[in-house]
Amino acid sequence: MSALAITSSSLTTSLARYWRSWGLWVLLLIAPICARYMLRIDDGGVIIAIDGKLPEMTSAFIGVSLGIVMTTLLLPVGWLYLRSNTTRRQPWQVEETTAASRVAIALGRFGADCMIMLTTLTALTAAGWFLAWVLIPVQQLNFAHLTFALWLVAAPALIGLCALRILFDARPLLRSGFGDFAYFVLWIMSLAMPAIMAGQTPSLATNMADFAGFVTPLQYGAPGDAGDFAISVGGGFDVDPGHVQLDVMAGLTSAGYIPSRLLWIAIAIALVIIAGLIYQPHRAKRRAQRAPWLAALLQPGAPPRADPHAKAARHAVAGALNLVMAEFRLIGTGRVFLAFAASVTALSAFADFRQIASPAALLVMVFALSAHAGRSEARGLVSLTRVASFAPMLRRAAFVIAGGVWTTLMAMPALFRTPSLEMFSTAAGTGLIAAAVASVLATLSGSGFAPRLVLLVLWYGYSSYSG
């Protein structure tokens, strides 16, 4: 079988599975619905400011703005979809026993992922046209500039996201939760790297540090010399009256910018090829073989005979409390978690609680809560637990309470040192909120992936906020 035929088969199979997934239509609806709130107009939205002032609305600036929000703030949403959609489970038991090229299979799946993400970008483009028609006088509308700016900024980043998904699926360690954490680190680095471009002349080398692609369009076309102004992207800060005139098209066509975006696409394709070359097949975990005499010694023995005259078991005196205690123990399963929890508890005895101890405790809980929520909300298990004496919603409530208990216990040394109601509410509230988010997302997705990634993003915002 030729490599082209394998690539075509992998592409069409993945696309067919995408079209049958309801999650795709949710993804396609996100862009049009959120387009209005993706940039600051009069009230609300993401703020893109130059020296504290909003740039003048033009077609090109709207395109760049939507692209910036897509490549900086919405990439985690794209990663969440790619890693948890209908194609996350592949028939590797069949594929890995055939002679098909792993590079060809990877390229086919990469092509399908790119088509899905670029379809989302197409929906965002249509929403951007409507937004520009509302905000800009008709005689100043230029849909070509808006489309060119949006796709030049956002398309390479989305293609790179698809390449990372294929690369992370190639190795066992990156297929697990560690891969989600590694992507989170890479995403944070992509937001921080453009800082090295401040004050530098645009070139291919400097633009390669800007994976998100937002510095040059805003820096090159701004009034004054490069480095004499501050670029702010986000929310939660005030802007000064007045507007800044930006020549966005000059920044998009400046030296090295377009070649850098094309080079990022080439790097993405190279990563997919590397993923196919380094692909490691799935392997069943082997259990350690015990010596026969040790296995016989550790056997629990035959169970006692049933007593037909035994009395019926009585209900526990404190059934709800026992349920909370059970969830508490299950969240804290594993020596690794207990070691980290003990370290955070010791840290809270002398470190600043809000800036250090509380974020550290929340980071530990992110992985514990998402893991236990994913186990509890597995599709088959939820159906089984419906016949238990406690309803699933009651167990979820106990899970949330147990999460708050864990973070409160890790903050006990800080509470003993400087007792305060604010510190107690922060300690308990972070656990309660994190557990509630993990429970809701695990219930909707049926796995621990979605809560883990969302909680990591929320943790980053919480740890960055100065209390």
Protein backbone atom coordinates (compact mmCIF):
# COMPACT_ATOMS: atom_id res chain seq x y z
CA MET A 1 0.00 0.00 0.00
CA SER A 2 1.46 3.39 -1.00
CA ALA A 3 2.09 6.17 1.50
CA LEU A 4 -0.32 8.43 -0.39
CA ALA A 5 -3.13 5.88 -0.09
CA ILE A 6 -2.47 5.46 3.63
CA THR A 7 -2.47 9.23 4.16
CA SER A 8 -5.71 9.59 2.21
CA SER A 9 -7.36 6.77 4.17
CA SER A 10 -6.26 8.23 7.50
CA LEU A 11 -7.50 11.68 6.46
CA THR A 12 -10.93 10.57 5.27
CA THR A 13 -11.47 8.24 8.24
CA SER A 14 -10.66 10.98 10.75
CA LEU A 15 -12.87 13.48 8.93
CA ALA A 16 -15.77 11.03 8.86
CA ARG A 17 -15.48 10.59 12.62
CA TYR A 18 -15.32 14.37 13.09
CA TRP A 19 -18.49 14.95 11.05
CA ARG A 20 -20.39 12.45 13.19
CA SER A 21 -19.35 14.18 16.41
CA TRP A 22 -21.69 16.69 18.07
CA GLY A 23 -18.66 18.33 19.66
CA LEU A 24 -17.62 19.70 16.28
CA TRP A 25 -20.79 21.77 16.01
CA VAL A 26 -20.22 23.14 19.49
CA LEU A 27 -16.70 24.14 18.44
CA LEU A 28 -18.01 25.83 15.29
CA LEU A 29 -20.57 27.79 17.31
CA ILE A 30 -17.98 29.09 19.78
CA ALA A 31 -16.38 31.46 17.28
CA PRO A 32 -19.50 33.29 16.04
CA ILE A 33 -21.00 33.54 19.52
CA CYS A 34 -17.80 34.77 21.16
CA ALA A 35 -16.72 37.10 18.33
CA ARG A 36 -18.58 40.04 19.87
CA TYR A 37 -16.76 39.55 23.17
CA MET A 38 -13.31 38.92 21.76
CA LEU A 39 -12.23 42.55 21.65
CA ARG A 40 -13.03 45.71 23.55
CA ILE A 41 -15.55 47.92 21.83
CA ASP A 42 -17.46 49.94 24.43
CA ASP A 43 -18.04 47.68 27.40
CA GLY A 44 -16.40 44.36 28.07
CA GLY A 45 -14.38 42.08 25.86
CA VAL A 46 -10.66 41.43 25.63
CA ILE A 47 -8.64 44.63 25.69
CA ILE A 48 -5.86 45.22 23.15
CA ALA A 49 -4.27 48.53 24.11
CA ILE A 50 -1.23 50.55 23.08
CA ASP A 51 0.11 52.66 25.95
CA GLY A 52 -3.24 52.30 27.68
CA LYS A 53 -5.30 53.50 24.68
CA LEU A 54 -7.51 51.54 22.32
CA PRO A 55 -6.40 51.51 18.68
CA GLU A 56 -8.67 52.99 16.05
CA MET A 57 -11.08 50.41 14.62
CA THR A 58 -10.17 49.42 11.07
CA SER A 59 -10.84 46.28 9.08
CA ALA A 60 -7.23 45.11 9.39
CA PHE A 61 -7.13 45.81 13.13
CA ILE A 62 -10.32 43.80 13.72
CA GLY A 63 -8.76 40.91 11.83
CA VAL A 64 -5.53 41.12 13.82
CA SER A 65 -7.45 41.47 17.09
CA LEU A 66 -9.51 38.35 16.49
CA GLY A 67 -6.36 36.50 15.46
CA ILE A 68 -4.52 37.64 18.59
CA VAL A 69 -7.29 36.49 20.90
CA MET A 70 -7.43 33.16 19.05
CA THR A 71 -3.67 32.55 19.29
CA THR A 72 -3.19 33.73 22.87
CA LEU A 73 -6.31 33.00 24.88
CA LEU A 74 -8.24 30.35 22.92
CA LEU A 75 -5.47 27.88 22.09
CA PRO A 76 -6.20 25.90 25.28
CA VAL A 77 -9.78 25.47 24.05
CA GLY A 78 -8.47 24.09 20.78
CA TRP A 79 -6.12 21.74 22.62
CA LEU A 80 -8.98 20.60 24.83
CA TYR A 81 -11.05 19.74 21.78
CA LEU A 82 -8.28 17.97 19.88
CA ARG A 83 -7.30 15.82 22.86
CA SER A 84 -10.82 14.92 23.99
CA ASN A 85 -12.87 14.70 20.79
CA THR A 86 -14.19 11.61 19.06
CA THR A 87 -10.82 10.77 17.46
CA ARG A 88 -8.94 10.50 20.75
CA ARG A 89 -9.42 6.72 20.71
CA GLN A 90 -7.76 5.04 17.76
CA PRO A 91 -7.79 1.36 16.69
CA TRP A 92 -4.12 0.95 17.55
CA GLN A 93 -4.56 -2.79 18.12
CA VAL A 94 -5.11 -3.09 14.34
CA GLU A 95 -2.92 -0.27 13.04
CA GLU A 96 0.18 -1.15 14.99
CA THR A 97 0.20 -4.72 13.70
CA THR A 98 0.18 -3.65 10.05
CA ALA A 99 3.03 -2.48 7.86
CA ALA A 100 1.46 0.94 7.25
CA SER A 101 3.78 3.92 7.51
CA ARG A 102 3.34 5.77 10.79
CA VAL A 103 4.43 8.98 9.06
CA ALA A 104 1.63 8.60 6.50
CA ILE A 105 -0.95 7.91 9.21
CA ALA A 106 0.27 10.91 11.22
CA LEU A 107 0.08 13.20 8.17
CA GLY A 108 -3.48 12.06 7.45
CA ARG A 109 -4.66 12.74 10.99
CA PHE A 110 -2.77 16.03 11.01
CA GLY A 111 -4.55 17.07 7.83
CA ALA A 112 -7.94 16.23 9.34
CA ASP A 113 -7.15 18.21 12.51
CA CYS A 114 -6.01 21.19 10.43
CA MET A 115 -9.17 21.14 8.34
CA ILE A 116 -11.32 21.15 11.47
CA MET A 117 -9.42 24.00 13.13
CA LEU A 118 -9.35 26.05 9.92
CA THR A 119 -13.08 25.47 9.52
CA THR A 120 -13.47 27.07 12.93
CA LEU A 121 -11.29 29.94 11.72
CA THR A 122 -13.59 30.30 8.71
CA ALA A 123 -16.58 30.63 11.02
CA LEU A 124 -14.67 33.28 12.99
CA THR A 125 -13.91 35.10 9.74
CA ALA A 126 -17.60 35.29 8.88
CA ALA A 127 -18.35 36.56 12.38
CA GLY A 128 -15.57 39.14 11.97
CA TRP A 129 -17.13 40.40 8.73
CA PHE A 130 -20.41 40.97 10.49
CA LEU A 131 -18.66 42.65 13.43
CA ALA A 132 -16.77 44.97 11.07
CA TRP A 133 -20.00 45.80 9.23
CA VAL A 134 -21.52 46.89 12.55
CA LEU A 135 -18.51 48.87 13.83
CA ILE A 136 -16.98 50.47 10.75
CA PRO A 137 -18.56 52.84 8.24
CA VAL A 138 -19.45 51.07 5.00
CA GLN A 139 -17.10 53.19 2.91
CA GLN A 140 -14.14 52.10 5.10
CA LEU A 141 -14.91 48.37 5.10
CA ASN A 142 -12.28 46.10 3.59
CA PHE A 143 -13.11 42.43 4.02
CA ALA A 144 -9.92 41.40 2.19
CA HIS A 145 -7.73 43.18 4.76
CA LEU A 146 -9.69 41.66 7.64
CA THR A 147 -9.44 38.13 6.24
CA PHE A 148 -5.76 38.50 5.35
CA ALA A 149 -4.88 39.80 8.82
CA LEU A 150 -6.91 37.16 10.69
CA TRP A 151 -5.61 34.18 8.75
CA LEU A 152 -1.99 35.38 8.68
CA VAL A 153 -1.96 35.70 12.47
CA ALA A 154 -4.13 32.75 13.51
CA ALA A 155 -3.70 30.01 10.89
CA PRO A 156 -0.01 29.17 11.61
CA ALA A 157 -0.71 28.96 15.34
CA LEU A 158 -3.68 26.63 14.84
CA ILE A 159 -1.66 24.43 12.46
CA GLY A 160 1.13 24.32 15.04
CA LEU A 161 -1.43 23.29 17.66
CA CYS A 162 -2.52 20.36 15.47
CA ALA A 163 1.12 19.32 15.01
CA LEU A 164 1.70 19.30 18.77
CA ARG A 165 -1.35 17.08 19.21
CA ILE A 166 0.08 14.52 16.77
CA LEU A 167 3.55 14.75 18.35
CA PHE A 168 2.20 14.22 21.86
CA ASP A 169 0.20 11.19 20.72
CA ALA A 170 3.41 9.54 19.53
CA ARG A 171 4.99 8.89 22.95
CA PRO A 172 3.44 7.11 25.94
CA LEU A 173 4.47 9.74 28.49
CA LEU A 174 3.02 12.59 26.44
CA ARG A 175 -0.25 10.73 25.89
CA SER A 176 -0.92 10.94 29.61
CA GLY A 177 -1.64 13.85 31.91
CA PHE A 178 2.02 14.84 31.77
CA GLY A 179 1.46 15.78 28.13
CA ASP A 180 -1.31 18.17 29.13
CA PHE A 181 0.99 19.79 31.67
CA ALA A 182 3.78 20.00 29.06
CA TYR A 183 1.40 21.74 26.64
CA PHE A 184 0.37 24.15 29.37
CA VAL A 185 4.04 25.07 29.90
CA LEU A 186 4.55 25.55 26.15
CA TRP A 187 1.47 27.76 25.96
CA ILE A 188 2.76 29.98 28.76
CA MET A 189 6.15 30.17 27.03
CA SER A 190 4.48 31.21 23.76
CA LEU A 191 2.91 34.14 25.62
CA ALA A 192 6.17 35.16 27.29
CA MET A 193 8.63 34.73 24.38
CA PRO A 194 7.48 37.80 22.36
CA ALA A 195 8.83 40.02 25.16
CA ILE A 196 12.33 39.61 23.68
CA MET A 197 11.14 41.46 20.56
CA ALA A 198 10.59 44.73 22.42
CA GLY A 199 12.46 47.54 20.70
CA GLN A 200 13.98 45.31 18.00
CA THR A 201 13.73 45.86 14.26
CA PRO A 202 11.36 43.34 12.63
CA SER A 203 13.16 40.51 10.87
CA LEU A 204 12.74 36.81 10.28
CA ALA A 205 14.83 35.98 13.36
CA THR A 206 12.94 38.28 15.72
CA ASN A 207 9.52 37.30 14.37
CA MET A 208 10.27 33.60 14.96
CA ALA A 209 10.13 34.31 18.70
CA ASP A 210 6.48 35.34 18.30
CA PHE A 211 4.51 32.13 17.77
CA ALA A 212 1.25 33.96 18.51
CA GLY A 213 2.13 36.52 15.84
CA PHE A 214 0.80 39.63 17.56
CA VAL A 215 3.84 41.81 18.33
CA THR A 216 4.90 43.02 14.88
CA PRO A 217 1.41 44.05 13.62
CA LEU A 218 0.96 46.19 16.73
CA GLN A 219 4.57 47.34 17.21
CA TYR A 220 5.55 48.19 13.63
CA GLY A 221 2.43 50.18 12.81
CA ALA A 222 2.28 52.14 16.09
CA PRO A 223 3.28 55.79 16.22
CA GLY A 224 6.75 56.59 17.54
CA ASP A 225 9.84 54.42 17.75
CA ALA A 226 9.67 50.73 18.58
CA GLY A 227 9.99 50.09 22.29
CA ASP A 228 8.57 53.50 23.30
CA PHE A 229 5.14 52.05 24.10
CA ALA A 230 3.59 49.11 25.95
CA ILE A 231 1.32 46.51 24.35
CA SER A 232 -1.40 45.13 26.62
CA VAL A 233 -3.59 42.15 25.76
CA GLY A 234 -6.13 40.79 28.23
CA GLY A 235 -8.69 42.25 30.56
CA GLY A 236 -9.22 43.67 33.99
CA PHE A 237 -7.46 47.01 33.41
CA ASP A 238 -8.72 50.47 32.52
CA VAL A 239 -7.96 52.32 29.31
CA ASP A 240 -7.37 56.00 28.78
CA PRO A 241 -9.65 58.14 26.62
CA GLY A 242 -8.70 58.61 23.00
CA HIS A 243 -7.49 56.24 20.30
CA VAL A 244 -4.18 55.30 18.72
CA GLN A 245 -3.76 55.23 14.95
CA LEU A 246 -2.18 51.94 13.82
CA ASP A 247 -0.96 51.04 10.35
CA VAL A 248 -1.69 47.34 10.78
CA MET A 249 -1.14 46.40 7.14
CA ALA A 250 2.37 47.87 7.28
CA GLY A 251 3.16 45.59 10.21
CA LEU A 252 1.73 42.53 8.46
CA THR A 253 3.84 43.16 5.35
CA SER A 254 6.98 44.25 7.24
CA ALA A 255 10.32 42.51 6.75
CA GLY A 256 10.34 38.91 7.93
CA TYR A 257 6.76 38.69 9.22
CA ILE A 258 5.10 36.70 6.42
CA PRO A 259 8.16 34.39 6.00
CA SER A 260 8.09 33.72 9.77
CA ARG A 261 4.44 32.66 9.65
CA LEU A 262 5.14 30.36 6.69
CA LEU A 263 8.18 28.95 8.48
CA TRP A 264 6.02 28.09 11.52
CA ILE A 265 3.77 26.08 9.19
CA ALA A 266 6.82 24.26 7.81
CA ILE A 267 7.99 23.51 11.35
CA ALA A 268 4.55 22.10 12.17
CA ILE A 269 4.72 19.71 9.21
CA ALA A 270 8.25 18.69 10.24
CA LEU A 271 7.00 17.93 13.76
CA VAL A 272 4.34 15.63 12.32
CA ILE A 273 6.94 13.74 10.31
CA ILE A 274 9.11 13.43 13.41
CA ALA A 275 6.08 12.17 15.34
CA GLY A 276 5.63 9.39 12.79
CA LEU A 277 9.32 8.46 12.98
CA ILE A 278 9.47 8.33 16.80
CA TYR A 279 6.05 6.75 17.29
CA GLN A 280 6.10 4.16 20.05
CA PRO A 281 3.35 1.52 19.96
CA HIS A 282 1.02 0.96 22.87
CA ARG A 283 2.09 -1.81 25.17
CA ALA A 284 0.13 -3.64 27.79
CA LYS A 285 1.55 -3.10 31.24
CA ARG A 286 3.22 -6.15 32.64
CA ARG A 287 2.62 -7.05 36.22
CA ALA A 288 5.60 -7.97 38.32
CA GLN A 289 5.80 -11.72 38.80
CA ARG A 290 5.97 -12.81 42.41
CA ALA A 291 7.75 -15.87 43.64
CA PRO A 292 5.33 -18.80 43.97
CA TRP A 293 5.90 -19.14 47.71
CA LEU A 294 5.33 -15.40 48.24
CA ALA A 295 2.17 -15.42 46.14
CA ALA A 296 0.83 -18.36 48.15
CA LEU A 297 1.70 -16.58 51.40
CA LEU A 298 -0.12 -13.42 50.35
CA GLN A 299 -3.29 -15.19 49.24
CA PRO A 300 -6.23 -13.96 51.34
CA GLY A 301 -7.62 -17.46 51.65
CA ALA A 302 -11.10 -18.74 51.08
CA PRO A 303 -13.91 -16.43 52.19
CA PRO A 304 -16.01 -17.48 55.19
CA ARG A 305 -19.15 -19.41 54.49
CA ALA A 306 -22.35 -17.44 54.21
CA ASP A 307 -24.57 -17.52 57.29
CA PRO A 308 -28.23 -17.70 56.16
CA HIS A 309 -29.36 -16.82 59.68
CA ALA A 310 -27.26 -13.64 59.95
CA LYS A 311 -29.07 -10.40 60.71
CA ALA A 312 -29.42 -7.76 58.01
CA ALA A 313 -26.75 -5.06 58.01
CA ARG A 314 -27.79 -1.80 59.61
CA HIS A 315 -27.41 1.62 58.03
CA ALA A 316 -24.41 3.63 59.10
CA VAL A 317 -25.12 6.22 61.79
CA ALA A 318 -23.42 8.99 59.79
CA GLY A 319 -23.77 7.86 56.18
CA ALA A 320 -23.23 11.28 54.60
CA LEU A 321 -20.12 11.87 56.72
CA ASN A 322 -18.76 8.47 55.73
CA LEU A 323 -19.32 9.38 52.08
CA VAL A 324 -17.29 12.57 52.49
CA MET A 325 -14.54 10.62 54.25
CA ALA A 326 -14.50 8.06 51.43
CA GLU A 327 -14.14 10.81 48.80
CA PHE A 328 -11.43 12.40 50.95
CA ARG A 329 -9.43 9.16 50.98
CA LEU A 330 -9.92 8.54 47.26
CA ILE A 331 -8.73 12.04 46.34
CA GLY A 332 -5.58 11.47 48.41
CA THR A 333 -4.77 8.10 46.89
CA GLY A 334 -1.09 7.48 46.24
CA ARG A 335 2.18 8.14 48.03
CA VAL A 336 3.17 10.83 45.52
CA PHE A 337 0.14 12.96 46.34
CA LEU A 338 0.64 12.49 50.07
CA ALA A 339 4.30 13.51 49.77
CA PHE A 340 3.39 16.68 47.85
CA ALA A 341 0.55 17.47 50.23
CA ALA A 342 2.88 17.11 53.22
CA SER A 343 5.44 19.38 51.52
CA VAL A 344 2.82 22.06 50.86
CA THR A 345 1.58 21.80 54.44
CA ALA A 346 5.12 22.35 55.72
CA LEU A 347 5.57 25.21 53.24
CA SER A 348 2.50 27.01 54.55
CA ALA A 349 4.07 27.14 58.01
CA PHE A 350 6.61 29.80 57.00
CA ALA A 351 5.92 30.97 53.41
CA ASP A 352 3.50 33.68 52.33
CA PHE A 353 0.12 31.97 52.17
CA ARG A 354 -1.57 33.87 49.34
CA GLN A 355 1.44 34.18 47.06
CA ILE A 356 3.14 30.81 47.60
CA ALA A 357 1.38 28.26 49.81
CA SER A 358 -2.15 28.61 48.43
CA PRO A 359 -1.13 28.36 44.71
CA ALA A 360 1.10 25.39 45.58
CA ALA A 361 -1.77 23.63 47.35
CA LEU A 362 -4.11 24.34 44.45
CA LEU A 363 -1.60 22.99 41.91
CA VAL A 364 -1.34 19.72 43.83
CA MET A 365 -5.12 19.50 44.03
CA VAL A 366 -5.56 20.13 40.29
CA PHE A 367 -4.05 16.75 39.43
CA ALA A 368 -5.64 14.88 42.33
CA LEU A 369 -9.13 16.27 41.73
CA SER A 370 -9.07 15.78 37.95
CA ALA A 371 -7.79 12.21 38.31
CA HIS A 372 -10.43 11.16 40.84
CA ALA A 373 -13.22 13.01 39.00
CA GLY A 374 -12.24 11.26 35.76
CA ARG A 375 -12.33 7.87 37.47
CA SER A 376 -15.67 8.54 39.13
CA GLU A 377 -17.39 9.86 36.00
CA ALA A 378 -16.38 7.05 33.64
CA ARG A 379 -19.32 6.21 31.41
CA GLY A 380 -19.98 2.68 32.64
CA LEU A 381 -19.27 3.42 36.29
CA VAL A 382 -21.82 6.22 36.52
CA SER A 383 -24.56 3.86 35.33
CA LEU A 384 -23.48 1.34 37.94
CA THR A 385 -23.47 3.83 40.82
CA ARG A 386 -27.07 4.83 40.10
CA VAL A 387 -28.18 1.66 41.89
CA ALA A 388 -26.23 2.53 45.04
CA SER A 389 -27.93 3.88 48.15
CA PHE A 390 -26.36 7.31 47.53
CA ALA A 391 -27.33 9.14 44.35
CA PRO A 392 -24.50 10.28 42.04
CA MET A 393 -25.29 13.95 42.79
CA LEU A 394 -24.81 13.31 46.50
CA ARG A 395 -21.46 11.70 45.81
CA ARG A 396 -20.46 14.70 43.70
CA ALA A 397 -21.43 17.03 46.56
CA ALA A 398 -19.28 14.94 48.92
CA PHE A 399 -16.42 15.20 46.39
CA VAL A 400 -16.65 19.00 46.42
CA ILE A 401 -16.67 19.13 50.21
CA ALA A 402 -13.72 16.75 50.41
CA GLY A 403 -11.75 19.00 48.02
CA GLY A 404 -12.32 21.97 50.33
CA VAL A 405 -11.24 19.89 53.33
CA TRP A 406 -7.95 18.97 51.65
CA THR A 407 -6.96 22.56 50.85
CA THR A 408 -7.99 23.66 54.34
CA LEU A 409 -5.85 20.98 55.96
CA MET A 410 -2.84 22.01 53.86
CA ALA A 411 -3.33 25.58 55.10
CA MET A 412 -3.60 24.68 58.80
CA PRO A 413 -0.04 25.77 59.76
CA ALA A 414 -0.66 29.19 58.18
CA LEU A 415 -4.03 29.44 59.95
CA PHE A 416 -2.42 28.62 63.30
CA ARG A 417 0.30 31.18 62.69
CA THR A 418 -1.97 34.07 61.67
CA PRO A 419 -5.63 33.14 62.14
CA SER A 420 -8.01 35.14 59.94
CA LEU A 421 -11.38 34.59 58.36
CA GLU A 422 -10.08 35.77 54.98
CA MET A 423 -7.28 33.19 54.99
CA PHE A 424 -9.68 30.43 56.00
CA SER A 425 -12.17 31.36 53.28
CA THR A 426 -9.37 31.46 50.69
CA ALA A 427 -8.06 28.06 51.76
CA ALA A 428 -11.46 26.39 51.77
CA GLY A 429 -12.84 28.30 48.77
CA THR A 430 -10.03 27.34 46.38
CA GLY A 431 -10.59 23.66 47.09
CA LEU A 432 -14.37 23.91 46.86
CA ILE A 433 -14.31 25.83 43.58
CA ALA A 434 -11.63 23.59 42.02
CA ALA A 435 -13.53 20.45 43.04
CA ALA A 436 -16.81 21.85 41.68
CA VAL A 437 -15.18 22.72 38.34
CA ALA A 438 -13.55 19.28 38.14
CA SER A 439 -16.83 17.54 38.93
CA VAL A 440 -18.86 19.48 36.35
CA LEU A 441 -16.33 19.10 33.54
CA ALA A 442 -15.71 15.42 34.28
CA THR A 443 -19.46 14.79 34.27
CA LEU A 444 -19.82 16.47 30.87
CA SER A 445 -16.74 14.90 29.26
CA GLY A 446 -16.57 11.53 31.00
CA SER A 447 -12.81 11.84 31.58
CA GLY A 448 -10.27 13.73 33.64
CA PHE A 449 -8.66 15.52 30.70
CA ALA A 450 -11.03 18.47 30.42
CA PRO A 451 -10.97 19.39 34.14
CA ARG A 452 -7.18 19.03 34.28
CA LEU A 453 -6.52 21.47 31.44
CA VAL A 454 -9.17 24.00 32.50
CA LEU A 455 -8.00 23.90 36.12
CA LEU A 456 -4.39 24.46 35.03
CA VAL A 457 -5.44 27.59 33.14
CA LEU A 458 -7.46 28.81 36.13
CA TRP A 459 -4.53 28.02 38.41
CA TYR A 460 -2.24 30.16 36.26
CA GLY A 461 -4.65 33.08 36.52
CA TYR A 462 -5.00 32.58 40.28
CA SER A 463 -1.26 32.36 40.89
CA SER A 464 -0.61 35.43 38.71
CA TYR A 465 -3.18 37.56 40.52
CA SER A 466 -1.62 39.49 43.41
CA GLY A 467 -3.86 39.28 46.44
